[in-house]
C-alpha atoms as a PDB file:
ATOM      1  CA  MET A   1       0.120  -0.037  -0.014  1.00  0.00           C
ATOM      2  CA  GLN A   2       0.963   3.532  -0.575  1.00  0.00           C
ATOM      3  CA  LEU A   3      -0.858   5.350   2.033  1.00  0.00           C
ATOM      4  CA  LEU A   4       2.049   6.032   4.350  1.00  0.00           C
ATOM      5  CA  ARG A   5       4.256   7.130   1.548  1.00  0.00           C
ATOM      6  CA  HIS A   6       1.596   9.672   0.627  1.00  0.00           C
ATOM      7  CA  ILE A   7       1.356  11.088   3.964  1.00  0.00           C
ATOM      8  CA  THR A   8       5.152  11.146   4.878  1.00  0.00           C
ATOM      9  CA  SER A   9       5.965  12.761   1.547  1.00  0.00           C
ATOM     10  CA  SER A  10       3.749  15.641   2.472  1.00  0.00           C
ATOM     11  CA  LEU A  11       5.002  16.341   6.002  1.00  0.00           C
ATOM     12  CA  ARG A  12       6.148  19.811   6.468  1.00  0.00           C
ATOM     13  CA  CYS A  13       8.545  19.353   9.181  1.00  0.00           C
ATOM     14  CA  SER A  14      11.036  16.795  10.218  1.00  0.00           C
ATOM     15  CA  LEU A  15      10.406  14.364  13.035  1.00  0.00           C
ATOM     16  CA  GLY A  16      14.137  14.656  13.788  1.00  0.00           C
ATOM     17  CA  GLN A  17      13.753  18.325  14.617  1.00  0.00           C
ATOM     18  CA  LEU A  18      10.592  18.024  16.875  1.00  0.00           C
ATOM     19  CA  ARG A  19      10.942  19.521  20.385  1.00  0.00           C
ATOM     20  CA  ASN A  20      13.704  18.139  22.305  1.00  0.00           C
ATOM     21  CA  VAL A  21      12.439  18.091  25.902  1.00  0.00           C
ATOM     22  CA  SER A  22      15.162  17.380  28.485  1.00  0.00           C
ATOM     23  CA  ARG A  23      14.708  14.156  30.286  1.00  0.00           C
ATOM     24  CA  TYR A  24      15.421  16.125  33.353  1.00  0.00           C
ATOM     25  CA  SER A  25      12.518  18.682  33.086  1.00  0.00           C
ATOM     26  CA  THR A  26      10.255  18.859  35.843  1.00  0.00           C
ATOM     27  CA  THR A  27       6.803  20.516  36.776  1.00  0.00           C
ATOM     28  CA  THR A  28       5.542  21.664  40.177  1.00  0.00           C
ATOM     29  CA  VAL A  29       2.116  20.804  41.382  1.00  0.00           C
ATOM     30  CA  LYS A  30       0.454  20.867  44.941  1.00  0.00           C
ATOM     31  CA  CYS A  31      -1.282  17.747  46.206  1.00  0.00           C
ATOM     32  CA  TRP A  32      -4.935  18.537  46.746  1.00  0.00           C
ATOM     33  CA  LYS A  33      -4.913  16.282  49.858  1.00  0.00           C
ATOM     34  CA  CYS A  34      -1.852  17.232  51.926  1.00  0.00           C
ATOM     35  CA  ALA A  35      -1.111  20.514  50.251  1.00  0.00           C
ATOM     36  CA  GLN A  36       2.572  19.499  49.690  1.00  0.00           C
ATOM     37  CA  GLU A  37       4.441  21.061  46.812  1.00  0.00           C
ATOM     38  CA  LEU A  38       5.640  18.291  44.599  1.00  0.00           C
ATOM     39  CA  CYS A  39       8.417  18.523  42.077  1.00  0.00           C
ATOM     40  CA  ILE A  40       7.449  16.055  39.539  1.00  0.00           C
ATOM     41  CA  PRO A  41      10.046  14.712  36.890  1.00  0.00           C
ATOM     42  CA  LEU A  42       8.977  14.457  33.413  1.00  0.00           C
ATOM     43  CA  HIS A  43      10.133  11.934  30.579  1.00  0.00           C
ATOM     44  CA  ASP A  44      11.589   9.756  33.584  1.00  0.00           C
ATOM     45  CA  ASN A  45      10.414   6.254  33.248  1.00  0.00           C
ATOM     46  CA  THR A  46      12.306   5.247  36.166  1.00  0.00           C
ATOM     47  CA  ASP A  47       9.806   6.764  38.320  1.00  0.00           C
ATOM     48  CA  ILE A  48       6.966   7.194  36.366  1.00  0.00           C
ATOM     49  CA  LEU A  49       4.246   6.675  39.231  1.00  0.00           C
ATOM     50  CA  LYS A  50       5.404  10.259  40.457  1.00  0.00           C
ATOM     51  CA  LEU A  51       3.306  11.640  37.735  1.00  0.00           C
ATOM     52  CA  TYR A  52       0.205  10.062  39.179  1.00  0.00           C
ATOM     53  CA  PHE A  53       0.464   9.824  42.890  1.00  0.00           C
ATOM     54  CA  CYS A  54       1.537  11.979  45.786  1.00  0.00           C
ATOM     55  CA  GLY A  55       4.103  10.485  47.895  1.00  0.00           C
ATOM     56  CA  CYS A  56       2.444  11.534  51.253  1.00  0.00           C
ATOM     57  CA  GLN A  57       1.121   8.856  53.509  1.00  0.00           C
ATOM     58  CA  ASN A  58      -2.291   9.066  51.999  1.00  0.00           C
ATOM     59  CA  ASN A  59      -0.663   8.169  48.734  1.00  0.00           C
ATOM     60  CA  VAL A  60      -3.429   9.928  46.903  1.00  0.00           C
ATOM     61  CA  VAL A  61      -3.997  10.158  43.070  1.00  0.00           C
ATOM     62  CA  LEU A  62      -3.221  13.273  41.484  1.00  0.00           C
ATOM     63  CA  PRO A  63      -5.107  15.349  38.872  1.00  0.00           C
ATOM     64  CA  PRO A  64      -3.365  15.036  35.403  1.00  0.00           C
ATOM     65  CA  VAL A  65      -0.208  16.929  35.355  1.00  0.00           C
ATOM     66  CA  THR A  66       0.263  17.012  31.664  1.00  0.00           C
ATOM     67  CA  HIS A  67      -1.694  15.795  28.568  1.00  0.00           C
ATOM     68  CA  ASN A  68       1.507  14.868  26.454  1.00  0.00           C
ATOM     69  CA  TYR A  69       1.151  11.248  25.644  1.00  0.00           C
ATOM     70  CA  PHE A  70       4.886  10.559  25.563  1.00  0.00           C
ATOM     71  CA  THR A  71       5.288  12.219  28.948  1.00  0.00           C
ATOM     72  CA  LEU A  72       2.308  10.310  30.350  1.00  0.00           C
ATOM     73  CA  LEU A  73       4.041   6.987  29.311  1.00  0.00           C
ATOM     74  CA  GLY A  74       7.684   7.943  30.355  1.00  0.00           C
ATOM     75  CA  CYS A  75       9.087   7.706  26.916  1.00  0.00           C
ATOM     76  CA  PRO A  76      11.004   9.911  24.726  1.00  0.00           C
ATOM     77  CA  GLU A  77       9.317  12.123  21.939  1.00  0.00           C
ATOM     78  CA  SER A  78      10.467  10.131  19.363  1.00  0.00           C
ATOM     79  CA  TYR A  79       9.023   8.124  16.194  1.00  0.00           C
ATOM     80  CA  GLU A  80      11.337   5.296  17.431  1.00  0.00           C
ATOM     81  CA  LEU A  81       9.762   3.651  20.294  1.00  0.00           C
ATOM     82  CA  ASP A  82      10.535   0.364  22.427  1.00  0.00           C
ATOM     83  CA  HIS A  83       7.202  -1.175  21.840  1.00  0.00           C
ATOM     84  CA  GLU A  84       7.918  -3.788  24.772  1.00  0.00           C
ATOM     85  CA  THR A  85       8.844  -0.947  27.350  1.00  0.00           C
ATOM     86  CA  LEU A  86       5.817   0.851  25.993  1.00  0.00           C
ATOM     87  CA  ALA A  87       3.338  -1.874  26.586  1.00  0.00           C
ATOM     88  CA  HIS A  88       4.965  -2.786  29.957  1.00  0.00           C
ATOM     89  CA  THR A  89       4.483   0.886  31.166  1.00  0.00           C
ATOM     90  CA  TYR A  90       0.947   0.927  30.057  1.00  0.00           C
ATOM     91  CA  ARG A  91       0.021  -2.225  31.653  1.00  0.00           C
ATOM     92  CA  ARG A  92       1.700  -1.091  34.917  1.00  0.00           C
ATOM     93  CA  LEU A  93      -0.067   2.220  35.059  1.00  0.00           C
ATOM     94  CA  GLN A  94      -3.390   0.730  34.403  1.00  0.00           C
ATOM     95  CA  SER A  95      -2.785  -1.774  37.176  1.00  0.00           C
ATOM     96  CA  TYR A  96      -2.573   1.341  39.574  1.00  0.00           C
ATOM     97  CA  LEU A  97      -4.986   3.770  37.916  1.00  0.00           C
ATOM     98  CA  HIS A  98      -8.082   1.591  36.915  1.00  0.00           C
ATOM     99  CA  PRO A  99     -11.235   2.895  38.304  1.00  0.00           C
ATOM    100  CA  ASP A 100     -12.363  -0.206  40.118  1.00  0.00           C
ATOM    101  CA  LYS A 101      -9.346   0.163  42.526  1.00  0.00           C
ATOM    102  CA  PHE A 102     -10.855   3.516  43.652  1.00  0.00           C
ATOM    103  CA  ALA A 103     -14.205   2.266  44.425  1.00  0.00           C
ATOM    104  CA  ASN A 104     -13.877   2.963  48.172  1.00  0.00           C
ATOM    105  CA  LYS A 105     -11.899   6.097  47.756  1.00  0.00           C
ATOM    106  CA  SER A 106     -13.005   9.815  47.866  1.00  0.00           C
ATOM    107  CA  GLU A 107     -15.211  11.132  44.981  1.00  0.00           C
ATOM    108  CA  ALA A 108     -12.061  13.205  43.948  1.00  0.00           C
ATOM    109  CA  GLU A 109      -9.942  10.361  43.641  1.00  0.00           C
ATOM    110  CA  GLN A 110     -12.468   8.455  41.737  1.00  0.00           C
ATOM    111  CA  GLY A 111     -12.627  11.267  39.263  1.00  0.00           C
ATOM    112  CA  TYR A 112      -8.892  11.520  38.962  1.00  0.00           C
ATOM    113  CA  SER A 113      -8.249   8.008  38.321  1.00  0.00           C
ATOM    114  CA  SER A 114     -11.225   7.711  35.766  1.00  0.00           C
ATOM    115  CA  GLU A 115      -9.768  10.847  33.930  1.00  0.00           C
ATOM    116  CA  LEU A 116      -6.142   9.438  34.178  1.00  0.00           C
ATOM    117  CA  SER A 117      -7.130   5.804  33.062  1.00  0.00           C
ATOM    118  CA  SER A 118      -8.958   6.909  30.117  1.00  0.00           C
ATOM    119  CA  LEU A 119      -6.052   9.449  29.255  1.00  0.00           C
ATOM    120  CA  VAL A 120      -3.459   6.467  29.545  1.00  0.00           C
ATOM    121  CA  ASN A 121      -5.570   4.394  27.324  1.00  0.00           C
ATOM    122  CA  LYS A 122      -5.830   7.081  24.528  1.00  0.00           C
ATOM    123  CA  ALA A 123      -2.144   7.775  24.883  1.00  0.00           C
ATOM    124  CA  TYR A 124      -1.108   4.271  24.623  1.00  0.00           C
ATOM    125  CA  SER A 125      -3.533   3.462  21.714  1.00  0.00           C
ATOM    126  CA  THR A 126      -2.028   6.578  19.911  1.00  0.00           C
ATOM    127  CA  LEU A 127       1.675   5.812  20.306  1.00  0.00           C
ATOM    128  CA  ALA A 128       1.489   2.028  19.974  1.00  0.00           C
ATOM    129  CA  LYS A 129       0.735   2.442  16.102  1.00  0.00           C
ATOM    130  CA  PRO A 130       3.530   3.967  13.843  1.00  0.00           C
ATOM    131  CA  TYR A 131       0.827   5.871  11.559  1.00  0.00           C
ATOM    132  CA  SER A 132      -0.968   7.604  14.625  1.00  0.00           C
ATOM    133  CA  ARG A 133       2.267   7.992  16.346  1.00  0.00           C
ATOM    134  CA  ALA A 134       3.765   9.994  13.427  1.00  0.00           C
ATOM    135  CA  LEU A 135       0.513  11.972  13.151  1.00  0.00           C
ATOM    136  CA  TYR A 136       0.581  12.954  16.784  1.00  0.00           C
ATOM    137  CA  LEU A 137       4.416  14.014  16.598  1.00  0.00           C
ATOM    138  CA  ILE A 138       3.326  16.241  13.819  1.00  0.00           C
ATOM    139  CA  GLU A 139       0.290  17.667  15.662  1.00  0.00           C
ATOM    140  CA  GLN A 140       2.389  18.581  18.690  1.00  0.00           C
ATOM    141  CA  GLU A 141       4.243  20.970  16.475  1.00  0.00           C
ATOM    142  CA  GLY A 142       0.849  22.594  15.581  1.00  0.00           C
ATOM    143  CA  LEU A 143       0.561  21.032  11.962  1.00  0.00           C
ATOM    144  CA  THR A 144      -2.022  18.981  10.685  1.00  0.00           C
ATOM    145  CA  ILE A 145      -2.246  16.505   7.587  1.00  0.00           C
ATOM    146  CA  SER A 146      -5.321  16.165   5.622  1.00  0.00           C
ATOM    147  CA  GLU A 147      -6.131  14.261   2.428  1.00  0.00           C
ATOM    148  CA  GLU A 148      -5.889  17.504   0.569  1.00  0.00           C
ATOM    149  CA  ASP A 149      -2.148  17.802   1.777  1.00  0.00           C
ATOM    150  CA  THR A 150      -1.424  14.141   0.664  1.00  0.00           C
ATOM    151  CA  GLY A 151      -3.055  14.381  -2.819  1.00  0.00           C
ATOM    152  CA  VAL A 152      -4.588  11.051  -2.125  1.00  0.00           C
ATOM    153  CA  GLY A 153      -7.906  12.078  -3.641  1.00  0.00           C
ATOM    154  CA  ASP A 154      -6.082  12.927  -7.078  1.00  0.00           C
ATOM    155  CA  ASP A 155      -4.238   9.588  -7.318  1.00  0.00           C
ATOM    156  CA  PRO A 156      -6.827   7.175  -8.874  1.00  0.00           C
ATOM    157  CA  ALA A 157      -4.287   4.236  -9.000  1.00  0.00           C
ATOM    158  CA  PHE A 158      -3.841   4.670  -5.153  1.00  0.00           C
ATOM    159  CA  LEU A 159      -7.514   4.676  -4.561  1.00  0.00           C
ATOM    160  CA  MET A 160      -8.208   1.590  -6.637  1.00  0.00           C
ATOM    161  CA  GLU A 161      -5.497  -0.218  -4.836  1.00  0.00           C
ATOM    162  CA  ILE A 162      -7.254   0.668  -1.521  1.00  0.00           C
ATOM    163  CA  MET A 163     -10.609  -0.507  -2.956  1.00  0.00           C
ATOM    164  CA  GLU A 164      -9.143  -3.758  -3.993  1.00  0.00           C
ATOM    165  CA  LEU A 165      -7.449  -4.351  -0.637  1.00  0.00           C
ATOM    166  CA  ASN A 166     -10.508  -3.800   1.258  1.00  0.00           C
ATOM    167  CA  GLU A 167     -12.663  -5.915  -1.228  1.00  0.00           C
ATOM    168  CA  THR A 168      -9.971  -8.758  -0.479  1.00  0.00           C
ATOM    169  CA  LEU A 169     -10.513  -8.219   3.161  1.00  0.00           C
ATOM    170  CA  ALA A 170     -14.320  -8.262   2.942  1.00  0.00           C
ATOM    171  CA  SER A 171     -14.259 -11.650   1.169  1.00  0.00           C
ATOM    172  CA  SER A 172     -13.032 -13.676   3.993  1.00  0.00           C
ATOM    173  CA  PRO A 173      -9.604 -14.256   2.620  1.00  0.00           C
ATOM    174  CA  SER A 174      -7.424 -17.391   3.433  1.00  0.00           C
ATOM    175  CA  THR A 175      -4.825 -17.452   6.125  1.00  0.00           C
ATOM    176  CA  GLU A 176      -2.072 -17.562   3.220  1.00  0.00           C
ATOM    177  CA  THR A 177      -3.588 -14.301   1.792  1.00  0.00           C
ATOM    178  CA  LEU A 178      -3.759 -12.408   4.774  1.00  0.00           C
ATOM    179  CA  LEU A 179      -0.080 -13.421   5.723  1.00  0.00           C
ATOM    180  CA  LYS A 180       0.910 -12.050   2.280  1.00  0.00           C
ATOM    181  CA  MET A 181      -1.101  -8.846   2.724  1.00  0.00           C
ATOM    182  CA  ARG A 182       0.701  -8.481   6.130  1.00  0.00           C
ATOM    183  CA  ALA A 183       4.108  -8.819   4.860  1.00  0.00           C
ATOM    184  CA  GLU A 184       3.610  -6.342   2.044  1.00  0.00           C
ATOM    185  CA  ASN A 185       2.223  -3.985   4.503  1.00  0.00           C
ATOM    186  CA  GLU A 186       5.204  -4.327   6.703  1.00  0.00           C
ATOM    187  CA  LYS A 187       7.415  -3.343   3.855  1.00  0.00           C
ATOM    188  CA  ASN A 188       5.639  -0.075   3.286  1.00  0.00           C
ATOM    189  CA  TYR A 189       5.961   0.697   6.766  1.00  0.00           C
ATOM    190  CA  THR A 190       9.495   0.153   6.584  1.00  0.00           C
ATOM    191  CA  SER A 191       9.610   2.476   3.653  1.00  0.00           C
ATOM    192  CA  ALA A 192       7.581   4.988   5.449  1.00  0.00           C
ATOM    193  CA  LYS A 193      10.021   5.040   8.243  1.00  0.00           C
ATOM    194  CA  GLN A 194      12.893   5.461   6.087  1.00  0.00           C
ATOM    195  CA  THR A 195      11.185   8.582   4.312  1.00  0.00           C
ATOM    196  CA  LEU A 196      10.561  10.211   7.811  1.00  0.00           C
ATOM    197  CA  ALA A 197      14.291   9.688   8.759  1.00  0.00           C
ATOM    198  CA  LYS A 198      15.428  11.245   5.604  1.00  0.00           C
ATOM    199  CA  MET A 199      12.997  14.295   6.222  1.00  0.00           C
ATOM    200  CA  LYS A 200      15.337  15.806   8.877  1.00  0.00           C
ATOM    201  CA  TYR A 201      18.165  16.354   6.407  1.00  0.00           C
ATOM    202  CA  TYR A 202      15.949  18.072   3.968  1.00  0.00           C
ATOM    203  CA  GLN A 203      14.512  20.278   6.793  1.00  0.00           C
ATOM    204  CA  ASN A 204      17.986  21.225   7.760  1.00  0.00           C
ATOM    205  CA  ILE A 205      18.538  22.369   4.099  1.00  0.00           C
ATOM    206  CA  GLN A 206      15.294  24.158   4.199  1.00  0.00           C
ATOM    207  CA  ASP A 207      16.107  25.875   7.508  1.00  0.00           C
ATOM    208  CA  ASN A 208      19.591  26.855   6.164  1.00  0.00           C
ATOM    209  CA  VAL A 209      18.063  28.415   2.849  1.00  0.00           C
ATOM    210  CA  GLU A 210      15.557  30.368   4.971  1.00  0.00           C
ATOM    211  CA  ASP A 211      18.219  31.541   7.241  1.00  0.00           C
ATOM    212  CA  GLN A 212      20.544  32.781   4.443  1.00  0.00           C
ATOM    213  CA  LEU A 213      17.662  34.395   2.543  1.00  0.00           C
ATOM    214  CA  LEU A 214      17.166  36.491   5.693  1.00  0.00           C
ATOM    215  CA  MET A 215      20.621  37.799   5.379  1.00  0.00           C
ATOM    216  CA  VAL A 216      20.223  38.754   1.528  1.00  0.00           C
END
């Protein structure tokens, strides 16, 4: 399939140039229960629970301190992620945050746990897939990708290919056919990743050109 090739060829910024937040960045919040000022580390997977719980004796759940999906799951803002680590962090967080664990807690904690559990679910579902992860990185820079940007609607061959693939999937294909489709799709993902990696070099050239034009 050519879907990712169409999308990545139209991206207007380099994933390699996306914001580089220090792994030592922190944010300060006050615990709603004990009023303690908390200095919470961001982008630090070694102590991810500090993003969600106050360390006071009540060990209460905190309201969301960030809505950044990468920070919520303690991973770097990068297209390349360790999927095993991502899944492990997700399962660990949900084992602490699931609303069922707060059935006997205060109304405030029930609300926070529900909100955080939902947020972590959304973060994981977005970052776990290469396509949605790439789009999320782009959106973090204030850009969006639409079908008009990709030119998909102007490519009859591509649209026909997608229709044929969907028809194949709808016809109860054999295991052999499904395995072949998966293998082909994996090749296209690899090609798309290579395109994304090359973009940082083009972006560097573009930035240099723009800088020199300002000096003319």
